[in-house]
Protein backbone atom coordinates (compact mmCIF):
# COMPACT_ATOMS: atom_id res chain seq x y z
CA MET A 1 -22.54 80.38 31.10
CA PHE A 2 -23.67 80.41 27.46
CA THR A 3 -26.07 77.68 26.43
CA ARG A 4 -27.59 76.93 23.19
CA GLU A 5 -31.35 76.82 23.42
CA THR A 6 -33.57 75.63 20.56
CA LEU A 7 -36.49 78.20 20.62
CA LEU A 8 -39.19 75.63 19.83
CA VAL A 9 -41.95 74.56 21.93
CA PRO A 10 -43.02 71.03 20.99
CA VAL A 11 -46.67 70.54 20.69
CA ASP A 12 -47.73 67.03 21.12
CA GLY A 13 -51.45 66.26 20.59
CA ARG A 14 -51.23 62.97 22.16
CA GLU A 15 -53.27 63.77 25.24
CA GLN A 16 -56.12 65.18 23.23
CA VAL A 17 -56.07 62.10 20.90
CA LEU A 18 -56.32 59.89 23.87
CA ALA A 19 -59.15 61.86 25.30
CA VAL A 20 -61.03 61.59 22.07
CA LEU A 21 -60.47 57.88 21.57
CA ARG A 22 -61.54 57.35 25.28
CA ASP A 23 -64.66 59.20 24.76
CA ALA A 24 -65.50 57.32 21.38
CA LEU A 25 -64.75 54.03 23.15
CA ALA A 26 -67.13 54.75 26.05
CA ASP A 27 -69.95 55.42 23.77
CA ALA A 28 -69.06 52.93 20.93
CA PRO A 29 -71.17 50.07 19.74
CA ALA A 30 -69.79 46.55 20.18
CA GLU A 31 -68.63 46.24 16.79
CA GLN A 32 -66.51 49.44 16.75
CA ARG A 33 -64.97 48.59 20.23
CA PRO A 34 -62.06 46.32 19.08
CA GLY A 35 -60.77 48.88 16.60
CA LEU A 36 -61.12 51.71 18.95
CA GLU A 37 -59.26 49.61 21.68
CA ARG A 38 -56.46 48.70 19.38
CA ALA A 39 -56.16 52.55 18.29
CA LEU A 40 -55.97 53.48 22.00
CA GLN A 41 -53.24 50.96 22.72
CA LEU A 42 -51.35 52.24 19.72
CA VAL A 43 -51.43 55.95 20.83
CA GLU A 44 -50.72 54.98 24.33
CA ALA A 45 -47.55 53.35 23.18
CA VAL A 46 -46.20 56.50 21.50
CA ARG A 47 -44.17 58.49 23.96
CA HIS A 48 -41.77 61.23 22.72
CA ASP A 49 -39.79 63.67 24.82
CA ASP A 50 -39.26 67.16 23.75
CA ASP A 51 -35.89 66.50 22.10
CA THR A 52 -37.35 63.83 19.78
CA LEU A 53 -40.20 66.07 18.82
CA LYS A 54 -37.85 68.84 17.99
CA ALA A 55 -35.65 66.50 15.84
CA ASP A 56 -38.55 64.95 14.02
CA TYR A 57 -39.95 68.52 13.20
CA ALA A 58 -36.57 69.49 11.83
CA ARG A 59 -36.24 66.36 9.88
CA ARG A 60 -39.75 66.89 8.40
CA LEU A 61 -38.89 70.59 7.41
CA LEU A 62 -35.45 69.45 5.91
CA ARG A 63 -37.06 66.58 3.95
CA GLU A 64 -39.75 68.80 2.54
CA ALA A 65 -36.95 71.14 1.36
CA GLY A 66 -34.90 68.29 -0.04
CA VAL A 67 -31.96 68.81 2.27
CA ASP A 68 -30.03 66.12 3.89
CA PRO A 69 -28.60 67.44 7.35
CA GLY A 70 -26.02 64.79 7.33
CA THR A 71 -24.30 65.86 4.04
CA ASP A 72 -25.38 69.71 3.89
CA GLU A 73 -25.25 71.14 7.30
CA VAL A 74 -24.97 74.63 6.03
CA ARG A 75 -27.88 74.54 3.87
CA ALA A 76 -29.88 72.62 6.62
CA VAL A 77 -29.18 75.46 8.92
CA ARG A 78 -30.22 78.10 6.36
CA VAL A 79 -33.38 76.24 5.60
CA LEU A 80 -34.41 75.90 9.15
CA ARG A 81 -33.84 79.56 9.74
CA GLU A 82 -35.99 80.41 6.78
CA ARG A 83 -38.82 78.01 7.82
CA ILE A 84 -38.86 78.81 11.44
CA PRO A 85 -39.41 82.56 11.99
CA GLY A 86 -37.25 84.16 14.73
CA LEU A 87 -34.84 81.06 15.02
CA GLY A 88 -31.37 82.14 15.87
CA LEU A 89 -28.16 80.84 14.27
CA ALA A 90 -26.99 78.82 17.42
CA ALA A 91 -30.54 77.34 17.75
CA ALA A 92 -30.65 76.44 14.04
CA VAL A 93 -27.12 74.82 14.20
CA ASP A 94 -28.39 72.71 17.33
CA LEU A 95 -31.57 71.69 15.66
CA ALA A 96 -29.79 70.72 12.43
CA ALA A 97 -27.50 68.65 14.46
CA ARG A 98 -30.48 66.88 16.14
CA ALA A 99 -31.99 66.25 12.82
CA LYS A 100 -28.76 64.37 11.77
CA ASP A 101 -29.21 61.61 14.38
């Protein structure tokens, strides 16, 4: 069976950011602790799945190019293929559709 696979591997730096914040919090003086604790809470609250990360990435690329995927799907697909080396047509169509939502 044919499936359209978006050939992107989302990179989420959340775990690295959490580790840095936890390390900083462990060694922080008392006056810095409230701010670091709040930052840690905010980062912990951010949870994205792969589909969300892909859609956000596509939206960012299209926004930078001045393309609205909701009104200009053909141009959106073309821009995504230009900006993501090796992205196939079916994957670009899928990614442009994700960016519309």
